[in-house]
Each structure stands twice: as C-alpha cells, then as structure tokens.
C-alpha cells in the first residue's frame, strides 16, 4: 500500500509540475509576426493562479502581468509598436521562463478556404494529383527570398466534437524552399504587400481542399437551425461512412484548424472558397454572410477586412454560386471585397494555375481599403442599372469603370446575351456608348428586356475597365436559370 501511495504521489507531482509550467500555443512562437500598432493578444497555460510577467524587448520598462485562471488558462494583450524589421523578443516569466525570439512586427493576414487557397506555389502532383503548382512556378520562386515575410501553416486536423486549443504549426521565413510548399495565392498576396508597404508580413494559412463553408463554421451557428438540416442530413458526424468526406462534417475544421489560432490579432482575412457549395448555391450568400459575421465576433475584431475570390469559370461551377458571391459583396457588409477571375479560368480544371491574378487582386483590395493607397485600382466594372431604349437596345451602366470600359486590344466585346419577353437569351452585339455605359442588342429581339453577362459554368467574357480589371458576371433579371 505504501508503495502505491508513493507512486501516486509521484504521479501527482509530475502532473502538477507539468501544469505549473507556462506553455504557449504553436502560433505564439519563434519567428512570429505580430500585428503592428495595436493591442496584440497573447495567451497560454500555466498553473491555476500562477502570475506571469510578460516583457517585450521594444518596451522593457512596461511589462504586462496576468494571472492564470482556475482552469490554468490565461490571456492578455501587449501594445505593439510601429512595424519593426529587426528581430524582437518576448519573455514570459512565472514558475518557469520562456523567451520567444526573432519576432517581427508588421501586418498579419489569415489565408483561408479550400483547395484554391491551399494550392501551392510548387508542383506536388506526385503526392496530390491536383496540386500541379503555378504555371510559372520557377519564375515565381526566383523571387521568393523574403526573410521579413513569415508563413504559419495550420496542419489539416479534423475535430467534429470539440474545439481544439492548439496545433502543431510553426512560423518559417519565406525562402524558395518554404514558398514552394505554401499557398500560391497567399504568397503572391503577401509579396505584394511587403513590396508596397515595406513592412514585415505574416501569413497564417488554414485551408483544406473539397470543403464547404459549413466545415469552417462554429457549431452554435448551425445546430438546431432548420436552414442547415440538409447539411447535417448529408454530412453530419453520423453520416461519415456514407458520404466518405469526414472533412465536410459541419464545424470539424472550425474546431480543428481555426480554433487553435482564434484570436491571434490580424489585419484581415483573404478567403478562396465556394466550389464545394455548388450543390446549394441558393443558400451560399446566407451561409457565407453568417461565416463572415461569426469570424469577426469570435476574433473580437468586428471590422476585420474580409476579401474573397469569386470562383473562376469551370465546366461544373454554376452561375448561381458566382451570383451569390457577388450578392454577398453587394449586401451592405462592411469591409468586404470580391476579386473577379473570369480571365484565368480553365474549363477542365477547377484549380486554375494562374494564381498571380487572384493574389495580386486580393492585395489590391487591402492596399486600397486598409493602407490608404488611392492610386491602386481594386475592382473591375460592376453592373449598376439598365434602361430599355426605343431603338431595340438596352443601355447598361457600370460602376468602377475607371479609365473607361473596354475589351483587350484587338478584341470585340463578347460574353453578353439579351432576351425579350419570351425569356430566350441569344448572343448580343455590344458597343461602348459612353463613360461607364454599354449598348446591348441582338437581331430579332425587337423588345429586349434582360441582359446576362458571363452567365454559365464555363464561358469566355472580356469586359474590363481601363485599369485592366475584369467585370463580374451578372444578370439584370432574376428569372429561373
């Protein structure tokens, strides 16, 4: 009995000793980038009631103190300076001491979504068939040595039942080797921000292929809500054997991949997802809006910028999904923006290899809206209104027609269809009729009433503004497809 008691005491001592040590989540570690000029959140674990003193190298005379709660968890924030290119450190002192080294201060962005966000710079098709890499990967990688750009990749982890508080990722500096494996869209986005702003950039990647938005949403948003009954009926945790896609269990990636980094202070989020919601496009706007609102609440950043990519033309992607994304942008939500990719689609590949265009255009939104760059164009032509004229034409008016409306040099405008009262759409003839205006007509349609542009799964459409940005697909009617 005495031996058993001694062993038990030793076991308890070991457990207590482990609990007594300050520990930090993977996201708070060497080489990390902290958001500049803010109260940046830090958190971790310690012994219940343990007092922790946190000292940043940029403010050694003003340490922050925090006490772990009864559950051993603690959370606080430290004031960060303006961007620092030189490595800093943060020291955590309690019953043990931890020092996080080579910390930079700059701009931090989330990079989230499904396969087109996960799609890497380099060719990985030997391991994953669709990860073919960027078409010009060799060229891109020659420009990939950026010690002040840091990557953090959240590993793919599913957790259908509970929210995890940590992951196994680590911060790494951008080199040709690390960029090879990182998100192509994220890399291009971060590179442009760095080159334009001249400040460190941190990119946190949390993406998984073939996932619908509901995988990335907090369970409380969906459980018990009839709107999501269809999703639970098809992809609930008890349906995994049937659907063979456990990563589509509602909330499994919110729990496993977002929760571990939740609250890390960021400048904003870039999102590339939607393809896996193509079977429920009529619901996507409501789902996506709920996701955006909830992420902002959970991050306690109610104005967090949220810029996303409209899915590219592809033979199995319905027009209604692009419309839902357009409607989300135009719904009145603050600090959101949409990138159009009509000029880089591939009819046979849902993963276009041109990731420079979406990455650069996402960066343009951030530069224009968050960093005060008035000289940066961020949107192509956006349909505003129509007017039926007596000469059997429809006049269309557009916003964001900077530099005028046009087709690429040597091309005629195409991708437009017009319909009369019979609702039969036929190819249209288009001419530029004024600043931000087009005149659309078709032989045999004496009384046109509706226009559609780029409406379909895969299509060729070529309306741009003078700044070289493409127009979003649209329709002036809301008739059934």
Protein backbone atom coordinates (compact mmCIF):
# COMPACT_ATOMS: atom_id res chain seq x y z
CA UNK A 1 0.00 0.00 0.00
CA UNK A 2 2.83 2.38 0.93
CA UNK A 3 4.44 1.72 -2.47
CA UNK A 4 1.18 2.51 -4.25
CA UNK A 5 0.84 5.76 -2.30
CA UNK A 6 4.38 6.78 -3.17
CA UNK A 7 3.79 6.07 -6.87
CA UNK A 8 0.52 8.02 -6.76
CA UNK A 9 2.23 10.94 -5.08
CA UNK A 10 4.97 10.94 -7.66
CA UNK A 11 2.41 10.82 -10.47
CA UNK A 12 0.50 13.76 -8.99
CA UNK A 13 3.74 15.65 -8.55
CA UNK A 14 4.63 15.05 -12.18
CA UNK A 15 1.22 16.23 -13.34
CA UNK A 16 1.39 19.30 -11.13
CA UNK A 17 4.88 20.02 -12.32
CA UNK A 18 3.73 19.91 -15.93
CA UNK A 19 0.76 22.13 -15.20
CA UNK A 20 2.95 24.58 -13.31
CA UNK A 21 4.99 25.43 -16.38
CA UNK A 22 3.99 28.28 -18.62
CA UNK A 23 3.16 26.94 -22.04
CA UNK A 24 2.31 28.76 -25.26
CA UNK A 25 0.31 27.72 -28.31
CA UNK A 26 2.20 26.99 -31.50
CA UNK A 27 1.07 30.25 -33.09
CA UNK A 28 2.96 32.20 -30.40
CA UNK A 29 6.50 31.07 -31.09
CA UNK A 30 9.88 31.97 -32.56
CA UNK A 31 9.81 33.83 -35.89
CA UNK A 32 6.22 35.01 -35.50
CA UNK A 33 4.89 38.30 -36.81
CA UNK A 34 2.73 40.45 -34.54
CA UNK A 35 0.25 43.00 -35.84
CA UNK A 36 1.67 46.49 -35.55
CA UNK A 37 0.21 49.46 -33.65
CA UNK A 38 -2.39 47.54 -31.69
CA UNK A 39 -3.13 45.55 -28.57
CA UNK A 40 -1.96 42.14 -29.81
CA UNK A 41 -3.46 39.18 -27.99
CA UNK A 42 -1.26 36.59 -26.25
CA UNK A 43 -2.46 33.52 -24.40
CA UNK A 44 -1.36 30.21 -22.94
CA UNK A 45 -1.49 27.89 -19.96
CA UNK A 46 0.11 27.79 -16.51
CA UNK A 47 -0.68 26.54 -13.02
CA UNK A 48 -4.01 27.78 -11.68
CA UNK A 49 -3.44 31.16 -10.05
CA UNK A 50 0.10 31.47 -11.39
CA UNK A 51 1.24 35.04 -12.04
CA UNK A 52 3.00 35.63 -15.34
CA UNK A 53 5.05 38.69 -16.27
CA UNK A 54 5.42 39.39 -19.98
CA UNK A 55 8.18 41.67 -21.20
CA UNK A 56 8.61 42.75 -24.81
CA UNK A 57 12.03 43.85 -25.98
CA UNK A 58 10.60 47.03 -27.52
CA UNK A 59 9.12 48.07 -24.15
CA UNK A 60 11.34 46.60 -21.41
CA UNK A 61 10.18 49.08 -18.78
CA UNK A 62 6.47 48.38 -19.18
CA UNK A 63 5.89 44.65 -18.69
CA UNK A 64 2.39 43.20 -18.69
CA UNK A 65 1.19 40.96 -15.86
CA UNK A 66 -1.58 38.37 -15.98
CA UNK A 67 -2.80 35.63 -13.63
CA UNK A 68 -3.87 32.19 -14.84
CA UNK A 69 -7.45 31.29 -14.01
CA UNK A 70 -8.68 28.32 -12.02
CA UNK A 71 -8.53 26.28 -15.24
CA UNK A 72 -4.90 27.23 -15.82
CA UNK A 73 -5.69 29.39 -18.84
CA UNK A 74 -4.54 32.96 -19.24
CA UNK A 75 -4.98 35.63 -21.88
CA UNK A 76 -3.81 39.19 -22.20
CA UNK A 77 -2.64 41.73 -24.77
CA UNK A 78 0.51 43.74 -25.30
CA UNK A 79 0.87 47.05 -27.06
CA UNK A 80 2.86 46.67 -30.25
CA UNK A 81 4.93 49.42 -31.88
CA UNK A 82 5.00 50.52 -35.49
CA UNK A 83 6.45 47.93 -37.84
CA UNK A 84 9.91 46.64 -36.96
CA UNK A 85 12.14 44.91 -39.49
CA UNK A 86 14.63 43.86 -36.83
CA UNK A 87 14.05 40.79 -34.70
CA UNK A 88 12.46 41.38 -31.30
CA UNK A 89 11.73 39.08 -28.38
CA UNK A 90 9.04 38.48 -25.77
CA UNK A 91 9.85 36.92 -22.41
CA UNK A 92 7.27 35.12 -20.25
CA UNK A 93 8.23 34.68 -16.58
CA UNK A 94 6.36 32.66 -13.99
CA UNK A 95 7.48 29.47 -12.31
CA UNK A 96 9.49 28.95 -15.46
CA UNK A 97 10.74 31.33 -18.15
CA UNK A 98 10.04 31.18 -21.88
CA UNK A 99 11.55 33.51 -24.47
CA UNK A 100 10.06 33.86 -27.94
CA UNK A 101 12.76 35.06 -30.31
CA UNK A 102 13.13 36.68 -33.71
CA UNK A 103 9.70 38.32 -33.50
CA UNK A 104 8.81 40.82 -36.21
CA UNK A 105 6.10 43.47 -36.05
CA UNK A 106 4.12 44.26 -39.19
CA UNK A 107 0.95 43.17 -40.97
CA UNK A 108 -0.67 39.78 -40.29
CA UNK A 109 -3.28 38.20 -42.56
CA UNK A 110 -5.27 34.99 -42.46
CA UNK A 111 -5.34 32.95 -45.70
CA UNK A 112 -8.33 30.61 -45.57
CA UNK A 113 -10.66 28.48 -47.68
CA UNK A 114 -10.50 25.31 -49.72
CA UNK A 115 -8.22 23.88 -52.40
CA UNK A 116 -7.61 27.02 -54.46
CA UNK A 117 -6.25 28.70 -51.34
CA UNK A 118 -4.28 25.61 -50.36
CA UNK A 119 -2.92 25.22 -53.94
CA UNK A 120 0.88 25.54 -53.57
CA UNK A 121 3.43 27.55 -55.48
CA UNK A 122 5.39 24.41 -56.40
CA UNK A 123 4.44 21.15 -58.11
CA UNK A 124 3.25 18.48 -55.66
CA UNK A 125 1.30 16.29 -58.06
CA UNK A 126 3.32 13.20 -57.09
CA UNK A 127 1.73 13.43 -53.64
CA UNK A 128 -1.59 15.11 -54.50
CA UNK A 129 -2.77 14.90 -58.11
CA UNK A 130 -4.40 18.34 -58.34
CA UNK A 131 -1.52 20.24 -56.71
CA UNK A 132 0.18 20.97 -60.01
CA UNK A 133 1.75 24.21 -58.84
CA UNK A 134 1.73 27.59 -60.52
CA UNK A 135 2.23 27.61 -64.28
CA UNK A 136 5.28 29.85 -63.83
CA UNK A 137 6.46 28.42 -60.51
CA UNK A 138 10.16 28.56 -61.43
CA UNK A 139 9.90 32.27 -62.16
CA UNK A 140 7.89 32.93 -59.02
CA UNK A 141 10.35 31.07 -56.83
CA UNK A 142 13.32 33.10 -58.07
CA UNK A 143 11.60 36.00 -56.32
CA UNK A 144 10.87 34.19 -53.07
CA UNK A 145 13.68 35.11 -50.69
CA UNK A 146 11.97 37.39 -48.16
CA UNK A 147 13.23 36.99 -44.57
CA UNK A 148 10.62 39.50 -43.38
CA UNK A 149 7.70 37.52 -44.80
CA UNK A 150 6.74 34.68 -42.45
CA UNK A 151 4.43 31.71 -43.03
CA UNK A 152 2.43 29.74 -40.49
CA UNK A 153 0.56 26.72 -41.87
CA UNK A 154 -2.15 25.18 -39.69
CA UNK A 155 -1.96 21.40 -40.28
CA UNK A 156 -5.06 19.61 -41.54
CA UNK A 157 -6.85 18.33 -38.44
CA UNK A 158 -10.49 17.32 -38.11
CA UNK A 159 -12.29 17.66 -34.79
CA UNK A 160 -16.03 17.08 -35.15
CA UNK A 161 -16.79 17.06 -31.43
CA UNK A 162 -14.78 19.80 -29.75
CA UNK A 163 -12.77 22.94 -30.38
CA UNK A 164 -9.02 22.40 -30.08
CA UNK A 165 -6.80 24.96 -28.37
CA UNK A 166 -3.55 24.27 -30.21
CA UNK A 167 -1.98 22.83 -33.35
CA UNK A 168 1.48 21.71 -34.48
CA UNK A 169 2.34 24.51 -36.88
CA UNK A 170 5.42 26.72 -36.77
CA UNK A 171 6.48 30.07 -38.19
CA UNK A 172 9.03 29.97 -41.02
CA UNK A 173 10.66 32.69 -43.08
CA UNK A 174 9.81 32.90 -46.76
CA UNK A 175 12.50 31.25 -48.88
CA UNK A 176 12.25 29.47 -52.25
CA UNK A 177 12.04 26.20 -50.30
CA UNK A 178 9.26 27.26 -47.90
CA UNK A 179 7.34 29.17 -50.58
CA UNK A 180 7.34 26.04 -52.75
CA UNK A 181 5.02 24.38 -50.23
CA UNK A 182 2.95 27.42 -49.27
CA UNK A 183 -0.30 28.77 -50.70
CA UNK A 184 0.34 30.37 -54.09
CA UNK A 185 -2.42 32.92 -53.59
CA UNK A 186 -1.15 33.70 -50.09
CA UNK A 187 2.45 34.02 -51.26
CA UNK A 188 1.58 36.42 -54.10
CA UNK A 189 -0.68 38.44 -51.79
CA UNK A 190 1.97 38.72 -49.07
CA UNK A 191 4.76 39.51 -51.51
CA UNK A 192 2.88 42.45 -52.96
CA UNK A 193 2.01 43.81 -49.52
CA UNK A 194 5.66 43.55 -48.47
CA UNK A 195 6.98 45.19 -51.62
CA UNK A 196 4.43 48.01 -51.44
CA UNK A 197 4.38 48.66 -47.69
CA UNK A 198 7.99 47.81 -46.81
CA UNK A 199 6.94 46.18 -43.53
CA UNK A 200 7.07 42.57 -42.31
CA UNK A 201 4.15 40.40 -43.35
CA UNK A 202 2.83 37.35 -41.51
CA UNK A 203 0.56 34.88 -43.32
CA UNK A 204 -1.46 32.27 -41.43
CA UNK A 205 -2.73 29.55 -43.78
CA UNK A 206 -5.72 27.40 -42.77
CA UNK A 207 -7.17 25.67 -45.82
CA UNK A 208 -8.35 22.23 -46.93
CA UNK A 209 -9.47 21.01 -50.33
CA UNK A 210 -13.05 19.99 -51.14
CA UNK A 211 -14.51 21.64 -48.04
CA UNK A 212 -17.77 23.52 -47.92
CA UNK A 213 -18.20 26.67 -45.85
CA UNK A 214 -20.09 24.77 -43.16
CA UNK A 215 -16.89 22.88 -42.25
CA UNK A 216 -15.42 26.23 -41.20
CA UNK A 217 -18.32 27.50 -39.10
CA UNK A 218 -18.84 27.39 -35.36
CA UNK A 219 -21.36 24.67 -34.40
CA UNK A 220 -23.61 27.03 -32.45
CA UNK A 221 -24.42 28.83 -35.70
CA UNK A 222 -25.91 25.72 -37.27
CA UNK A 223 -27.07 23.23 -34.65
CA UNK A 224 -30.82 23.35 -34.27
CA UNK A 225 -31.22 25.74 -37.21
CA UNK A 226 -33.52 24.20 -39.87
CA UNK A 227 -31.64 26.15 -42.54
CA UNK A 228 -28.75 23.70 -42.09
CA UNK A 229 -30.79 20.49 -41.84
CA UNK A 230 -29.77 19.49 -45.36
CA UNK A 231 -26.09 19.77 -44.48
CA UNK A 232 -26.43 17.71 -41.31
CA UNK A 233 -28.52 15.11 -43.11
CA UNK A 234 -25.81 14.63 -45.71
CA UNK A 235 -22.60 15.36 -43.78
CA UNK A 236 -23.36 15.02 -40.08
CA UNK A 237 -20.83 13.11 -37.99
CA UNK A 238 -23.09 10.05 -38.07
CA UNK A 239 -23.11 10.11 -41.91
CA UNK A 240 -19.35 9.86 -42.49
CA UNK A 241 -19.38 6.23 -43.64
CA UNK A 242 -21.99 7.11 -46.22
CA UNK A 243 -20.55 10.35 -47.61
CA UNK A 244 -16.86 9.38 -47.34
CA UNK A 245 -15.91 13.02 -46.72
CA UNK A 246 -15.27 13.47 -43.00
CA UNK A 247 -13.74 16.90 -43.63
CA UNK A 248 -17.25 18.08 -44.56
CA UNK A 249 -18.71 17.29 -41.17
CA UNK A 250 -20.12 20.64 -40.02
CA UNK A 251 -17.67 22.58 -37.82
CA UNK A 252 -14.94 19.92 -37.97
CA UNK A 253 -12.38 22.35 -39.42
CA UNK A 254 -13.54 25.29 -37.35
CA UNK A 255 -12.77 23.11 -34.34
CA UNK A 256 -9.57 21.58 -35.66
CA UNK A 257 -7.93 24.35 -37.69
CA UNK A 258 -9.45 27.72 -36.80
CA UNK A 259 -9.94 27.40 -33.06
CA UNK A 260 -6.19 26.79 -32.43
CA UNK A 261 -5.33 30.23 -33.87
CA UNK A 262 -8.54 32.00 -32.93
CA UNK A 263 -7.94 35.46 -31.58
CA UNK A 264 -4.40 35.93 -32.88
CA UNK A 265 -4.58 39.60 -33.81
CA UNK A 266 -4.68 40.08 -37.57
CA UNK A 267 -5.13 42.85 -40.11
CA UNK A 268 -7.73 40.83 -42.02
CA UNK A 269 -8.60 37.66 -43.89
CA UNK A 270 -8.38 36.56 -47.51
CA UNK A 271 -10.74 33.75 -48.49
CA UNK A 272 -10.93 31.48 -51.54
CA UNK A 273 -13.78 29.00 -51.23
CA UNK A 274 -17.16 28.23 -52.71
CA UNK A 275 -16.59 25.38 -55.16
CA UNK A 276 -17.77 22.75 -52.66
CA UNK A 277 -21.01 24.67 -52.04
CA UNK A 278 -22.04 24.33 -55.68
CA UNK A 279 -24.86 21.90 -54.81
CA UNK A 280 -26.53 24.54 -52.62
CA UNK A 281 -25.76 27.82 -54.42
CA UNK A 282 -29.11 29.35 -53.48
CA UNK A 283 -28.08 29.17 -49.81
CA UNK A 284 -24.49 30.30 -50.17
CA UNK A 285 -25.00 34.02 -49.59
CA UNK A 286 -26.69 33.40 -46.24
CA UNK A 287 -24.09 30.80 -45.24
CA UNK A 288 -21.15 32.96 -46.26
CA UNK A 289 -22.56 36.06 -44.57
CA UNK A 290 -23.06 34.11 -41.36
CA UNK A 291 -19.48 32.82 -41.55
CA UNK A 292 -18.05 36.33 -42.01
CA UNK A 293 -20.10 37.79 -39.17
CA UNK A 294 -19.21 34.96 -36.80
CA UNK A 295 -15.48 35.03 -37.52
CA UNK A 296 -15.45 38.74 -36.77
CA UNK A 297 -17.29 38.19 -33.50
CA UNK A 298 -15.07 35.31 -32.43
CA UNK A 299 -11.92 37.25 -33.25
CA UNK A 300 -13.34 40.24 -31.38
CA UNK A 301 -12.46 42.30 -34.44
CA UNK A 302 -15.89 43.49 -35.65
CA UNK A 303 -14.41 45.42 -38.57
CA UNK A 304 -12.00 42.72 -39.73
CA UNK A 305 -11.50 43.11 -43.50
CA UNK A 306 -12.65 40.04 -45.41
CA UNK A 307 -11.64 39.86 -49.08
CA UNK A 308 -12.57 36.87 -51.19
CA UNK A 309 -12.17 35.38 -54.66
CA UNK A 310 -15.17 34.79 -56.89
CA UNK A 311 -14.80 31.28 -58.28
CA UNK A 312 -13.35 31.07 -61.77
CA UNK A 313 -15.22 29.76 -64.83
CA UNK A 314 -15.21 25.97 -64.88
CA UNK A 315 -17.42 23.43 -66.64
CA UNK A 316 -19.17 22.29 -63.44
CA UNK A 317 -19.43 25.51 -61.44
CA UNK A 318 -22.93 27.04 -61.57
CA UNK A 319 -23.53 30.68 -62.34
CA UNK A 320 -25.72 30.96 -59.25
CA UNK A 321 -22.71 30.44 -56.99
CA UNK A 322 -20.85 33.38 -58.54
CA UNK A 323 -24.02 35.40 -58.20
CA UNK A 324 -24.26 34.50 -54.50
CA UNK A 325 -20.69 35.71 -54.02
CA UNK A 326 -21.47 38.92 -55.90
CA UNK A 327 -24.61 39.42 -53.81
CA UNK A 328 -22.56 38.95 -50.64
CA UNK A 329 -20.17 41.69 -51.72
CA UNK A 330 -23.09 43.97 -52.57
CA UNK A 331 -25.17 43.13 -49.48
CA UNK A 332 -24.01 46.03 -47.34
CA UNK A 333 -21.50 44.16 -45.18
CA UNK A 334 -18.66 46.48 -44.26
CA UNK A 335 -15.03 45.90 -45.13
CA UNK A 336 -15.53 43.15 -47.66
CA UNK A 337 -14.43 42.94 -51.27
CA UNK A 338 -14.50 40.46 -54.14
CA UNK A 339 -11.86 39.54 -56.70
CA UNK A 340 -13.09 38.54 -60.16
CA UNK A 341 -11.24 35.76 -62.03
CA UNK A 342 -13.11 35.45 -65.34
CA UNK A 343 -9.83 35.85 -67.19
CA UNK A 344 -7.96 32.95 -65.59
CA UNK A 345 -10.43 30.06 -65.60
CA UNK A 346 -9.81 26.62 -67.05
CA UNK A 347 -12.76 24.67 -68.44
CA UNK A 348 -11.20 21.33 -67.46
CA UNK A 349 -9.50 22.22 -64.18
CA UNK A 350 -11.21 23.64 -61.12
CA UNK A 351 -7.75 24.74 -59.94
CA UNK A 352 -6.51 27.42 -62.37
CA UNK A 353 -2.71 27.52 -62.31
CA UNK A 354 -2.62 31.28 -62.71
CA UNK A 355 -2.58 32.33 -59.07
CA UNK A 356 -0.81 35.63 -59.68
CA UNK A 357 -4.02 37.37 -60.73
CA UNK A 358 -6.14 36.46 -57.67
CA UNK A 359 -3.22 37.03 -55.28
CA UNK A 360 -2.39 40.43 -56.76
CA UNK A 361 -6.04 41.47 -56.85
CA UNK A 362 -6.62 40.49 -53.23
CA UNK A 363 -3.60 42.60 -52.33
CA UNK A 364 -5.06 45.49 -54.32
CA UNK A 365 -8.20 45.42 -52.15
CA UNK A 366 -6.08 45.53 -48.99
CA UNK A 367 -3.78 48.26 -50.30
CA UNK A 368 -6.68 50.46 -51.38
CA UNK A 369 -9.01 49.91 -48.46
CA UNK A 370 -6.70 49.27 -45.50
CA UNK A 371 -3.45 51.00 -46.36
CA UNK A 372 -4.67 54.22 -47.95
CA UNK A 373 -3.36 53.60 -51.45
CA UNK A 374 -5.67 55.79 -53.50
CA UNK A 375 -3.68 55.03 -56.65
CA UNK A 376 -4.45 51.29 -56.55
CA UNK A 377 -7.45 50.03 -58.55
CA UNK A 378 -9.27 47.21 -56.75
CA UNK A 379 -12.42 46.41 -58.75
CA UNK A 380 -13.40 45.88 -62.33
CA UNK A 381 -16.68 47.13 -63.85
CA UNK A 382 -19.72 46.42 -61.69
CA UNK A 383 -23.20 46.40 -63.22
CA UNK A 384 -25.37 49.15 -61.69
CA UNK A 385 -28.50 49.66 -63.78
CA UNK A 386 -30.19 49.16 -67.14
CA UNK A 387 -32.55 51.11 -69.33
CA UNK A 388 -34.62 49.83 -72.28
CA UNK A 389 -34.42 52.26 -75.21
CA UNK A 390 -36.86 52.73 -78.11
CA UNK A 391 -34.29 51.58 -80.68
CA UNK A 392 -34.42 47.91 -79.50
CA UNK A 393 -31.33 48.29 -77.34
CA UNK A 394 -30.62 48.12 -73.64
CA UNK A 395 -28.28 50.62 -72.06
CA UNK A 396 -26.20 49.26 -69.19
CA UNK A 397 -24.46 51.47 -66.63
CA UNK A 398 -21.44 50.38 -64.57
CA UNK A 399 -19.57 51.48 -61.51
CA UNK A 400 -15.78 51.11 -61.27
CA UNK A 401 -15.37 51.98 -64.94
CA UNK A 402 -12.03 53.68 -64.21
CA UNK A 403 -10.35 54.61 -67.47
CA UNK A 404 -13.41 53.56 -69.45
CA UNK A 405 -14.94 50.25 -70.47
CA UNK A 406 -13.05 48.14 -72.98
CA UNK A 407 -12.07 44.77 -74.33
CA UNK A 408 -8.45 43.65 -74.60
CA UNK A 409 -6.69 45.21 -77.55
CA UNK A 410 -7.80 43.75 -80.85
CA UNK A 411 -10.91 42.05 -79.43
CA UNK A 412 -14.60 42.82 -79.66
CA UNK A 413 -16.68 42.71 -76.51
CA UNK A 414 -18.33 39.34 -76.05
CA UNK A 415 -19.95 37.21 -73.38
CA UNK A 416 -23.26 39.14 -73.45
CA UNK A 417 -26.73 37.72 -74.11
CA UNK A 418 -30.05 39.50 -74.44
CA UNK A 419 -33.65 38.29 -74.14
CA UNK A 420 -37.08 39.59 -74.99
CA UNK A 421 -40.34 38.89 -73.16
CA UNK A 422 -40.08 35.23 -74.20
CA UNK A 423 -37.05 34.90 -71.86
CA UNK A 424 -34.98 33.22 -74.57
CA UNK A 425 -31.40 34.50 -74.43
CA UNK A 426 -29.37 34.92 -77.60
CA UNK A 427 -25.84 36.27 -78.20
CA UNK A 428 -25.77 40.06 -78.18
CA UNK A 429 -23.91 42.76 -80.03
CA UNK A 430 -22.28 45.25 -77.68
CA UNK A 431 -20.83 48.71 -78.16
CA UNK A 432 -19.43 51.27 -75.76
CA UNK A 433 -21.96 54.12 -75.70
CA UNK A 434 -20.47 56.49 -73.16
CA UNK A 435 -18.43 56.71 -69.95
CA UNK A 436 -19.32 53.61 -67.97
CA UNK A 437 -22.07 52.68 -70.45
CA UNK A 438 -22.72 49.89 -72.93
CA UNK A 439 -25.42 49.48 -75.56
CA UNK A 440 -26.61 45.88 -76.00
CA UNK A 441 -28.87 44.48 -78.73
CA UNK A 442 -29.48 41.40 -80.85
CA UNK A 443 -31.02 40.85 -84.29
CA UNK A 444 -34.54 39.52 -83.97
CA UNK A 445 -35.05 40.81 -80.42
CA UNK A 446 -37.28 43.81 -81.02
CA UNK A 447 -38.14 44.40 -77.38
CA UNK A 448 -35.19 43.37 -75.22
CA UNK A 449 -35.93 43.21 -71.51
CA UNK A 450 -32.93 41.50 -69.91
CA UNK A 451 -29.18 41.06 -70.31
CA UNK A 452 -26.81 38.44 -68.97
CA UNK A 453 -23.03 38.57 -69.00
CA UNK A 454 -20.68 35.67 -68.36
CA UNK A 455 -23.66 33.59 -67.33
CA UNK A 456 -22.97 29.88 -67.28
CA UNK A 457 -20.46 27.35 -65.99
CA UNK A 458 -17.50 28.00 -68.29
CA UNK A 459 -17.53 30.96 -70.66
CA UNK A 460 -15.35 33.47 -72.45
CA UNK A 461 -16.12 37.05 -71.46
CA UNK A 462 -13.88 40.05 -71.88
CA UNK A 463 -15.26 43.26 -70.37
CA UNK A 464 -12.56 45.19 -68.48
CA UNK A 465 -12.05 48.70 -67.25
CA UNK A 466 -9.15 50.91 -68.22
CA UNK A 467 -7.17 49.72 -65.17
CA UNK A 468 -7.12 46.17 -66.52
CA UNK A 469 -9.60 44.62 -64.09
CA UNK A 470 -12.42 42.35 -65.34
CA UNK A 471 -16.15 42.77 -64.81
CA UNK A 472 -18.06 40.36 -62.63
CA UNK A 473 -20.61 38.11 -64.34
CA UNK A 474 -24.14 39.39 -63.78
CA UNK A 475 -27.72 39.23 -64.95
CA UNK A 476 -30.30 42.01 -64.96
CA UNK A 477 -33.16 39.54 -64.42
CA UNK A 478 -33.80 37.10 -61.60
CA UNK A 479 -35.67 34.55 -63.67
CA UNK A 480 -35.05 30.86 -63.05
CA UNK A 481 -31.94 29.67 -64.86
